[in-house]
């Protein structure tokens, strides 16, 4: 009786050490990889020698310059909630 109980206890404890999700772990991250692939408009864009379409050089240069200058001197803070005070900080 003692041997049978010990054997049953060892088998019961041994089942707790087994890997219970082999099929889930094999496909872990598939949903994220699939969503990322579906959101990529052109996966071969880095291999193309064609320039970007939709913006001329002058507009692109000016927008980049404005973007970089915004870190040197941030735009002034605007008072959005103005209840009975001066408009735009003027008195």
PDB file of N, CA and C in Angstrom:
ATOM      1  N   UNK A   1       0.831  -1.199   0.000  1.00  0.00           N
ATOM      2  CA  UNK A   1       0.000   0.000   0.000  1.00  0.00           C
ATOM      3  C   UNK A   1       0.866   1.251   0.000  1.00  0.00           C
ATOM      4  N   UNK A   2       1.950   1.217   0.781  1.00  0.00           N
ATOM      5  CA  UNK A   2       2.841   2.365   0.857  1.00  0.00           C
ATOM      6  C   UNK A   2       3.533   2.610  -0.484  1.00  0.00           C
ATOM      7  N   UNK A   3       3.946   1.532  -1.169  1.00  0.00           N
ATOM      8  CA  UNK A   3       4.616   1.657  -2.462  1.00  0.00           C
ATOM      9  C   UNK A   3       3.661   2.224  -3.519  1.00  0.00           C
ATOM     10  N   UNK A   4       2.424   1.766  -3.496  1.00  0.00           N
ATOM     11  CA  UNK A   4       1.438   2.251  -4.465  1.00  0.00           C
ATOM     12  C   UNK A   4       1.130   3.725  -4.233  1.00  0.00           C
ATOM     13  N   UNK A   5       1.033   4.130  -2.974  1.00  0.00           N
ATOM     14  CA  UNK A   5       0.767   5.530  -2.652  1.00  0.00           C
ATOM     15  C   UNK A   5       1.952   6.398  -3.040  1.00  0.00           C
ATOM     16  N   UNK A   6       3.161   5.921  -2.773  1.00  0.00           N
ATOM     17  CA  UNK A   6       4.365   6.671  -3.133  1.00  0.00           C
ATOM     18  C   UNK A   6       4.479   6.808  -4.645  1.00  0.00           C
ATOM     19  N   UNK A   7       4.222   5.735  -5.363  1.00  0.00           N
ATOM     20  CA  UNK A   7       4.270   5.777  -6.819  1.00  0.00           C
ATOM     21  C   UNK A   7       3.223   6.739  -7.376  1.00  0.00           C
ATOM     22  N   UNK A   8       2.035   6.704  -6.851  1.00  0.00           N
ATOM     23  CA  UNK A   8       0.979   7.616  -7.296  1.00  0.00           C
ATOM     24  C   UNK A   8       1.348   9.059  -6.999  1.00  0.00           C
ATOM     25  N   UNK A   9       1.951   9.297  -5.841  1.00  0.00           N
ATOM     26  CA  UNK A   9       2.364  10.654  -5.473  1.00  0.00           C
ATOM     27  C   UNK A   9       3.489  11.145  -6.392  1.00  0.00           C
ATOM     28  N   UNK A  10       4.457  10.287  -6.695  1.00  0.00           N
ATOM     29  CA  UNK A  10       5.555  10.660  -7.591  1.00  0.00           C
ATOM     30  C   UNK A  10       5.017  10.958  -8.990  1.00  0.00           C
ATOM     31  N   UNK A  11       4.095  10.154  -9.487  1.00  0.00           N
ATOM     32  CA  UNK A  11       3.511  10.403 -10.806  1.00  0.00           C
ATOM     33  C   UNK A  11       2.700  11.693 -10.822  1.00  0.00           C
ATOM     34  N   UNK A  12       1.995  11.948  -9.758  1.00  0.00           N
ATOM     35  CA  UNK A  12       1.188  13.166  -9.665  1.00  0.00           C
ATOM     36  C   UNK A  12       2.073  14.407  -9.630  1.00  0.00           C
ATOM     37  N   UNK A  13       3.150  14.362  -8.858  1.00  0.00           N
ATOM     38  CA  UNK A  13       4.069  15.490  -8.777  1.00  0.00           C
ATOM     39  C   UNK A  13       4.823  15.641 -10.094  1.00  0.00           C
ATOM     40  N   UNK A  14       5.157  14.548 -10.739  1.00  0.00           N
ATOM     41  CA  UNK A  14       5.870  14.580 -12.014  1.00  0.00           C
ATOM     42  C   UNK A  14       5.078  15.226 -13.126  1.00  0.00           C
ATOM     43  N   UNK A  15       3.772  15.104 -13.102  1.00  0.00           N
ATOM     44  CA  UNK A  15       2.955  15.722 -14.145  1.00  0.00           C
ATOM     45  C   UNK A  15       2.955  17.243 -14.024  1.00  0.00           C
ATOM     46  N   UNK A  16       3.235  17.763 -12.856  1.00  0.00           N
ATOM     47  CA  UNK A  16       3.314  19.213 -12.680  1.00  0.00           C
ATOM     48  C   UNK A  16       4.543  19.811 -13.338  1.00  0.00           C
ATOM     49  N   UNK A  17       5.540  18.999 -13.628  1.00  0.00           N
ATOM     50  CA  UNK A  17       6.778  19.487 -14.236  1.00  0.00           C
ATOM     51  C   UNK A  17       6.766  19.400 -15.762  1.00  0.00           C
ATOM     52  N   UNK A  18       5.715  18.871 -16.332  1.00  0.00           N
ATOM     53  CA  UNK A  18       5.676  18.734 -17.780  1.00  0.00           C
ATOM     54  C   UNK A  18       5.308  20.051 -18.433  1.00  0.00           C
ATOM     55  N   UNK A  19       5.656  20.182 -19.686  1.00  0.00           N
ATOM     56  CA  UNK A  19       5.358  21.379 -20.465  1.00  0.00           C
ATOM     57  C   UNK A  19       3.937  21.237 -21.009  1.00  0.00           C
ATOM     58  N   UNK A  20       3.052  22.144 -20.641  1.00  0.00           N
ATOM     59  CA  UNK A  20       1.645  21.977 -20.991  1.00  0.00           C
ATOM     60  C   UNK A  20       1.214  22.784 -22.212  1.00  0.00           C
ATOM     61  N   UNK A  21       2.079  23.668 -22.730  1.00  0.00           N
ATOM     62  CA  UNK A  21       1.655  24.501 -23.856  1.00  0.00           C
ATOM     63  C   UNK A  21       2.607  24.418 -25.044  1.00  0.00           C
ATOM     64  N   UNK A  22       2.946  23.251 -25.529  1.00  0.00           N
ATOM     65  CA  UNK A  22       3.898  23.212 -26.649  1.00  0.00           C
ATOM     66  C   UNK A  22       3.338  23.821 -27.933  1.00  0.00           C
ATOM     67  N   UNK A  23       2.061  23.680 -28.159  1.00  0.00           N
ATOM     68  CA  UNK A  23       1.470  24.214 -29.388  1.00  0.00           C
ATOM     69  C   UNK A  23       1.309  25.727 -29.322  1.00  0.00           C
ATOM     70  N   UNK A  24       1.016  26.259 -28.144  1.00  0.00           N
ATOM     71  CA  UNK A  24       0.877  27.707 -28.011  1.00  0.00           C
ATOM     72  C   UNK A  24       2.233  28.383 -28.135  1.00  0.00           C
ATOM     73  N   UNK A  25       3.246  27.811 -27.522  1.00  0.00           N
ATOM     74  CA  UNK A  25       4.569  28.422 -27.547  1.00  0.00           C
ATOM     75  C   UNK A  25       5.181  28.387 -28.944  1.00  0.00           C
ATOM     76  N   UNK A  26       4.852  27.398 -29.727  1.00  0.00           N
ATOM     77  CA  UNK A  26       5.415  27.293 -31.068  1.00  0.00           C
ATOM     78  C   UNK A  26       4.914  28.425 -31.964  1.00  0.00           C
ATOM     79  N   UNK A  27       3.738  28.977 -31.693  1.00  0.00           N
ATOM     80  CA  UNK A  27       3.160  30.034 -32.531  1.00  0.00           C
ATOM     81  C   UNK A  27       3.102  31.378 -31.798  1.00  0.00           C
ATOM     82  N   UNK A  28       3.862  31.506 -30.709  1.00  0.00           N
ATOM     83  CA  UNK A  28       3.852  32.730 -29.916  1.00  0.00           C
ATOM     84  C   UNK A  28       4.362  33.902 -30.749  1.00  0.00           C
ATOM     85  N   UNK A  29       3.599  34.978 -30.827  1.00  0.00           N
ATOM     86  CA  UNK A  29       3.985  36.175 -31.560  1.00  0.00           C
ATOM     87  C   UNK A  29       3.500  36.215 -32.994  1.00  0.00           C
ATOM     88  N   UNK A  30       2.819  35.176 -33.459  1.00  0.00           N
ATOM     89  CA  UNK A  30       2.349  35.164 -34.841  1.00  0.00           C
ATOM     90  C   UNK A  30       1.364  36.298 -35.127  1.00  0.00           C
ATOM     91  N   UNK A  31       0.511  36.615 -34.172  1.00  0.00           N
ATOM     92  CA  UNK A  31      -0.487  37.666 -34.384  1.00  0.00           C
ATOM     93  C   UNK A  31       0.188  39.026 -34.553  1.00  0.00           C
ATOM     94  N   UNK A  32       1.205  39.296 -33.751  1.00  0.00           N
ATOM     95  CA  UNK A  32       1.906  40.577 -33.851  1.00  0.00           C
ATOM     96  C   UNK A  32       2.668  40.655 -35.164  1.00  0.00           C
ATOM     97  N   UNK A  33       3.349  39.590 -35.535  1.00  0.00           N
ATOM     98  CA  UNK A  33       4.078  39.596 -36.806  1.00  0.00           C
ATOM     99  C   UNK A  33       3.121  39.748 -37.986  1.00  0.00           C
ATOM    100  N   UNK A  34       1.983  39.097 -37.935  1.00  0.00           N
ATOM    101  CA  UNK A  34       1.001  39.215 -39.013  1.00  0.00           C
ATOM    102  C   UNK A  34       0.432  40.615 -39.117  1.00  0.00           C
ATOM    103  N   UNK A  35       0.127  41.230 -37.971  1.00  0.00           N
ATOM    104  CA  UNK A  35      -0.403  42.601 -37.990  1.00  0.00           C
ATOM    105  C   UNK A  35       0.631  43.575 -38.523  1.00  0.00           C
ATOM    106  N   UNK A  36       1.897  43.392 -38.151  1.00  0.00           N
ATOM    107  CA  UNK A  36       2.957  44.272 -38.646  1.00  0.00           C
ATOM    108  C   UNK A  36       3.110  44.121 -40.162  1.00  0.00           C
ATOM    109  N   UNK A  37       3.013  42.913 -40.675  1.00  0.00           N
ATOM    110  CA  UNK A  37       3.120  42.709 -42.114  1.00  0.00           C
ATOM    111  C   UNK A  37       1.944  43.333 -42.854  1.00  0.00           C
ATOM    112  N   UNK A  38       0.753  43.279 -42.258  1.00  0.00           N
ATOM    113  CA  UNK A  38      -0.416  43.865 -42.906  1.00  0.00           C
ATOM    114  C   UNK A  38      -0.365  45.389 -42.890  1.00  0.00           C
ATOM    115  N   UNK A  39       0.333  45.988 -41.909  1.00  0.00           N
ATOM    116  CA  UNK A  39       0.423  47.442 -41.839  1.00  0.00           C
ATOM    117  C   UNK A  39       1.533  48.006 -42.715  1.00  0.00           C
ATOM    118  N   UNK A  40       2.423  47.162 -43.207  1.00  0.00           N
ATOM    119  CA  UNK A  40       3.516  47.626 -44.054  1.00  0.00           C
ATOM    120  C   UNK A  40       3.004  47.824 -45.468  1.00  0.00           C
ATOM    121  N   UNK A  41       3.055  49.053 -45.931  1.00  0.00           N
ATOM    122  CA  UNK A  41       2.531  49.378 -47.250  1.00  0.00           C
ATOM    123  C   UNK A  41       3.407  48.810 -48.361  1.00  0.00           C
ATOM    124  N   UNK A  42       4.701  49.013 -48.247  1.00  0.00           N
ATOM    125  CA  UNK A  42       5.624  48.528 -49.272  1.00  0.00           C
ATOM    126  C   UNK A  42       6.833  47.913 -48.576  1.00  0.00           C
ATOM    127  N   UNK A  43       6.877  46.601 -48.420  1.00  0.00           N
ATOM    128  CA  UNK A  43       7.988  45.987 -47.699  1.00  0.00           C
ATOM    129  C   UNK A  43       9.330  46.137 -48.412  1.00  0.00           C
ATOM    130  N   UNK A  44       9.342  46.365 -49.714  1.00  0.00           N
ATOM    131  CA  UNK A  44      10.587  46.497 -50.469  1.00  0.00           C
ATOM    132  C   UNK A  44      10.971  47.953 -50.713  1.00  0.00           C
ATOM    133  N   UNK A  45      10.480  48.877 -49.916  1.00  0.00           N
ATOM    134  CA  UNK A  45      10.746  50.300 -50.136  1.00  0.00           C
ATOM    135  C   UNK A  45      12.226  50.630 -49.992  1.00  0.00           C
ATOM    136  N   UNK A  46      12.942  49.953 -49.139  1.00  0.00           N
ATOM    137  CA  UNK A  46      14.361  50.234 -48.952  1.00  0.00           C
ATOM    138  C   UNK A  46      15.206  49.823 -50.131  1.00  0.00           C
ATOM    139  N   UNK A  47      14.724  48.934 -50.946  1.00  0.00           N
ATOM    140  CA  UNK A  47      15.484  48.467 -52.107  1.00  0.00           C
ATOM    141  C   UNK A  47      15.263  49.346 -53.341  1.00  0.00           C
ATOM    142  N   UNK A  48      14.287  50.241 -53.291  1.00  0.00           N
ATOM    143  CA  UNK A  48      13.950  51.077 -54.439  1.00  0.00           C
ATOM    144  C   UNK A  48      14.896  52.273 -54.527  1.00  0.00           C
ATOM    145  N   UNK A  49      15.327  52.605 -55.735  1.00  0.00           N
ATOM    146  CA  UNK A  49      16.191  53.768 -55.958  1.00  0.00           C
ATOM    147  C   UNK A  49      15.377  55.006 -56.313  1.00  0.00           C
ATOM    148  N   UNK A  50      14.061  54.878 -56.425  1.00  0.00           N
ATOM    149  CA  UNK A  50      13.208  56.017 -56.763  1.00  0.00           C
ATOM    150  C   UNK A  50      13.080  56.951 -55.572  1.00  0.00           C
ATOM    151  N   UNK A  51      13.041  58.268 -55.819  1.00  0.00           N
ATOM    152  CA  UNK A  51      12.862  59.214 -54.712  1.00  0.00           C
ATOM    153  C   UNK A  51      11.431  59.167 -54.180  1.00  0.00           C
ATOM    154  N   UNK A  52      11.239  59.764 -53.044  1.00  0.00           N
ATOM    155  CA  UNK A  52       9.908  59.830 -52.454  1.00  0.00           C
ATOM    156  C   UNK A  52       8.982  60.641 -53.349  1.00  0.00           C
ATOM    157  N   UNK A  53       7.764  60.229 -53.461  1.00  0.00           N
ATOM    158  CA  UNK A  53       6.799  60.885 -54.327  1.00  0.00           C
ATOM    159  C   UNK A  53       5.819  61.678 -53.465  1.00  0.00           C
ATOM    160  N   UNK A  54       5.439  62.870 -53.921  1.00  0.00           N
ATOM    161  CA  UNK A  54       4.388  63.610 -53.257  1.00  0.00           C
ATOM    162  C   UNK A  54       4.831  64.923 -52.657  1.00  0.00           C
ATOM    163  N   UNK A  55       6.125  65.199 -52.578  1.00  0.00           N
ATOM    164  CA  UNK A  55       6.589  66.442 -51.987  1.00  0.00           C
ATOM    165  C   UNK A  55       7.808  66.922 -52.778  1.00  0.00           C
ATOM    166  N   UNK A  56       7.790  68.185 -53.209  1.00  0.00           N
ATOM    167  CA  UNK A  56       8.943  68.697 -53.936  1.00  0.00           C
ATOM    168  C   UNK A  56      10.073  69.037 -52.965  1.00  0.00           C
ATOM    169  N   UNK A  57      11.240  69.274 -53.502  1.00  0.00           N
ATOM    170  CA  UNK A  57      12.418  69.491 -52.673  1.00  0.00           C
ATOM    171  C   UNK A  57      12.337  70.709 -51.787  1.00  0.00           C
ATOM    172  N   UNK A  58      11.798  71.808 -52.311  1.00  0.00           N
ATOM    173  CA  UNK A  58      11.712  73.042 -51.526  1.00  0.00           C
ATOM    174  C   UNK A  58      10.767  72.874 -50.337  1.00  0.00           C
ATOM    175  N   UNK A  59       9.606  72.276 -50.562  1.00  0.00           N
ATOM    176  CA  UNK A  59       8.658  72.075 -49.465  1.00  0.00           C
ATOM    177  C   UNK A  59       9.220  71.110 -48.423  1.00  0.00           C
ATOM    178  N   UNK A  60       9.918  70.079 -48.875  1.00  0.00           N
ATOM    179  CA  UNK A  60      10.513  69.129 -47.935  1.00  0.00           C
ATOM    180  C   UNK A  60      11.593  69.802 -47.109  1.00  0.00           C
ATOM    181  N   UNK A  61      12.439  70.621 -47.752  1.00  0.00           N
ATOM    182  CA  UNK A  61      13.509  71.318 -47.031  1.00  0.00           C
ATOM    183  C   UNK A  61      12.935  72.288 -45.997  1.00  0.00           C
ATOM    184  N   UNK A  62      11.915  73.048 -46.386  1.00  0.00           N
ATOM    185  CA  UNK A  62      11.317  74.016 -45.470  1.00  0.00           C
ATOM    186  C   UNK A  62      10.640  73.323 -44.280  1.00  0.00           C
ATOM    187  N   UNK A  63       9.955  72.220 -44.543  1.00  0.00           N
ATOM    188  CA  UNK A  63       9.288  71.532 -43.437  1.00  0.00           C
ATOM    189  C   UNK A  63      10.312  70.923 -42.477  1.00  0.00           C
ATOM    190  N   UNK A  64      11.420  70.400 -43.013  1.00  0.00           N
ATOM    191  CA  UNK A  64      12.465  69.867 -42.136  1.00  0.00           C
ATOM    192  C   UNK A  64      13.136  70.984 -41.342  1.00  0.00           C
ATOM    193  N   UNK A  65      13.357  72.139 -41.992  1.00  0.00           N
ATOM    194  CA  UNK A  65      13.965  73.269 -41.286  1.00  0.00           C
ATOM    195  C   UNK A  65      13.054  73.770 -40.168  1.00  0.00           C
ATOM    196  N   UNK A  66      11.756  73.865 -40.447  1.00  0.00           N
ATOM    197  CA  UNK A  66      10.802  74.297 -39.436  1.00  0.00           C
ATOM    198  C   UNK A  66      10.746  73.299 -38.278  1.00  0.00           C
ATOM    199  N   UNK A  67      10.826  72.016 -38.602  1.00  0.00           N
ATOM    200  CA  UNK A  67      10.823  70.969 -37.572  1.00  0.00           C
ATOM    201  C   UNK A  67      12.062  71.094 -36.685  1.00  0.00           C
ATOM    202  N   UNK A  68      13.230  71.270 -37.291  1.00  0.00           N
ATOM    203  CA  UNK A  68      14.458  71.377 -36.502  1.00  0.00           C
ATOM    204  C   UNK A  68      14.498  72.665 -35.692  1.00  0.00           C
ATOM    205  N   UNK A  69      13.988  73.757 -36.244  1.00  0.00           N
ATOM    206  CA  UNK A  69      13.964  75.029 -35.516  1.00  0.00           C
ATOM    207  C   UNK A  69      12.998  74.997 -34.339  1.00  0.00           C
ATOM    208  N   UNK A  70      11.996  74.130 -34.386  1.00  0.00           N
ATOM    209  CA  UNK A  70      11.037  74.072 -33.286  1.00  0.00           C
ATOM    210  C   UNK A  70      11.687  73.576 -32.002  1.00  0.00           C
ATOM    211  N   UNK A  71      12.817  72.895 -32.114  1.00  0.00           N
ATOM    212  CA  UNK A  71      13.531  72.451 -30.916  1.00  0.00           C
ATOM    213  C   UNK A  71      14.462  73.534 -30.387  1.00  0.00           C
ATOM    214  N   UNK A  72      14.915  74.425 -31.265  1.00  0.00           N
ATOM    215  CA  UNK A  72      15.776  75.523 -30.824  1.00  0.00           C
ATOM    216  C   UNK A  72      14.965  76.574 -30.084  1.00  0.00           C
ATOM    217  N   UNK A  73      13.837  76.936 -30.642  1.00  0.00           N
ATOM    218  CA  UNK A  73      12.954  77.926 -30.017  1.00  0.00           C
ATOM    219  C   UNK A  73      11.526  77.404 -30.117  1.00  0.00           C
ATOM    220  N   UNK A  74      11.026  76.799 -29.042  1.00  0.00           N
ATOM    221  CA  UNK A  74       9.669  76.249 -29.101  1.00  0.00           C
ATOM    222  C   UNK A  74       8.630  77.352 -29.317  1.00  0.00           C
ATOM    223  N   UNK A  75       7.513  76.998 -29.935  1.00  0.00           N
ATOM    224  CA  UNK A  75       6.468  77.999 -30.151  1.00  0.00           C
ATOM    225  C   UNK A  75       5.923  78.502 -28.815  1.00  0.00           C
ATOM    226  N   UNK A  76       5.401  79.737 -28.796  1.00  0.00           N
ATOM    227  CA  UNK A  76       4.895  80.287 -27.534  1.00  0.00           C
ATOM    228  C   UNK A  76       3.676  79.508 -27.029  1.00  0.00           C
ATOM    229  N   UNK A  77       3.539  79.488 -25.725  1.00  0.00           N
ATOM    230  CA  UNK A  77       2.419  78.803 -25.095  1.00  0.00           C
ATOM    231  C   UNK A  77       1.167  79.657 -25.269  1.00  0.00           C
ATOM    232  N   UNK A  78       0.068  79.026 -25.638  1.00  0.00           N
ATOM    233  CA  UNK A  78      -1.187  79.727 -25.852  1.00  0.00           C
ATOM    234  C   UNK A  78      -2.128  79.406 -24.696  1.00  0.00           C
ATOM    235  N   UNK A  79      -2.737  80.423 -24.127  1.00  0.00           N
ATOM    236  CA  UNK A  79      -3.693  80.241 -23.050  1.00  0.00           C
ATOM    237  C   UNK A  79      -5.026  79.825 -23.660  1.00  0.00           C
ATOM    238  N   UNK A  80      -5.375  78.566 -23.522  1.00  0.00           N
ATOM    239  CA  UNK A  80      -6.577  78.048 -24.152  1.00  0.00           C
ATOM    240  C   UNK A  80      -7.817  78.414 -23.341  1.00  0.00           C
ATOM    241  N   UNK A  81      -7.754  78.270 -22.034  1.00  0.00           N
ATOM    242  CA  UNK A  81      -8.893  78.604 -21.174  1.00  0.00           C
ATOM    243  C   UNK A  81      -8.718  80.048 -20.727  1.00  0.00           C
ATOM    244  N   UNK A  82      -9.567  80.920 -21.229  1.00  0.00           N
ATOM    245  CA  UNK A  82      -9.442  82.331 -20.960  1.00  0.00           C
ATOM    246  C   UNK A  82     -10.800  82.828 -20.451  1.00  0.00           C
ATOM    247  N   UNK A  83     -10.966  82.827 -19.151  1.00  0.00           N
ATOM    248  CA  UNK A  83     -12.227  83.244 -18.562  1.00  0.00           C
ATOM    249  C   UNK A  83     -12.040  84.626 -17.928  1.00  0.00           C
ATOM    250  N   UNK A  84     -12.465  85.638 -18.623  1.00  0.00           N
ATOM    251  CA  UNK A  84     -12.426  87.000 -18.089  1.00  0.00           C
ATOM    252  C   UNK A  84     -11.045  87.614 -18.054  1.00  0.00           C
ATOM    253  N   UNK A  85     -10.073  87.032 -18.700  1.00  0.00           N
ATOM    254  CA  UNK A  85      -8.725  87.613 -18.693  1.00  0.00           C
ATOM    255  C   UNK A  85      -8.389  88.193 -20.044  1.00  0.00           C
ATOM    256  N   UNK A  86      -7.155  88.592 -20.183  1.00  0.00           N
ATOM    257  CA  UNK A  86      -6.689  89.178 -21.443  1.00  0.00           C
ATOM    258  C   UNK A  86      -6.561  88.075 -22.494  1.00  0.00           C
ATOM    259  N   UNK A  87      -6.721  88.447 -23.737  1.00  0.00           N
ATOM    260  CA  UNK A  87      -6.641  87.494 -24.832  1.00  0.00           C
ATOM    261  C   UNK A  87      -5.174  87.345 -25.255  1.00  0.00           C
ATOM    262  N   UNK A  88      -4.683  86.118 -25.274  1.00  0.00           N
ATOM    263  CA  UNK A  88      -3.314  85.837 -25.726  1.00  0.00           C
ATOM    264  C   UNK A  88      -2.242  86.399 -24.814  1.00  0.00           C
ATOM    265  N   UNK A  89      -2.552  86.675 -23.565  1.00  0.00           N
ATOM    266  CA  UNK A  89      -1.554  87.150 -22.633  1.00  0.00           C
ATOM    267  C   UNK A  89      -1.361  88.660 -22.669  1.00  0.00           C
ATOM    268  N   UNK A  90      -2.114  89.380 -23.517  1.00  0.00           N
ATOM    269  CA  UNK A  90      -2.005  90.833 -23.593  1.00  0.00           C
ATOM    270  C   UNK A  90      -2.956  91.484 -22.608  1.00  0.00           C
ATOM    271  N   UNK A  91      -2.552  92.636 -22.055  1.00  0.00           N
ATOM    272  CA  UNK A  91      -3.405  93.333 -21.080  1.00  0.00           C
ATOM    273  C   UNK A  91      -3.919  94.615 -21.649  1.00  0.00           C
TER     274      UNK A  91
END
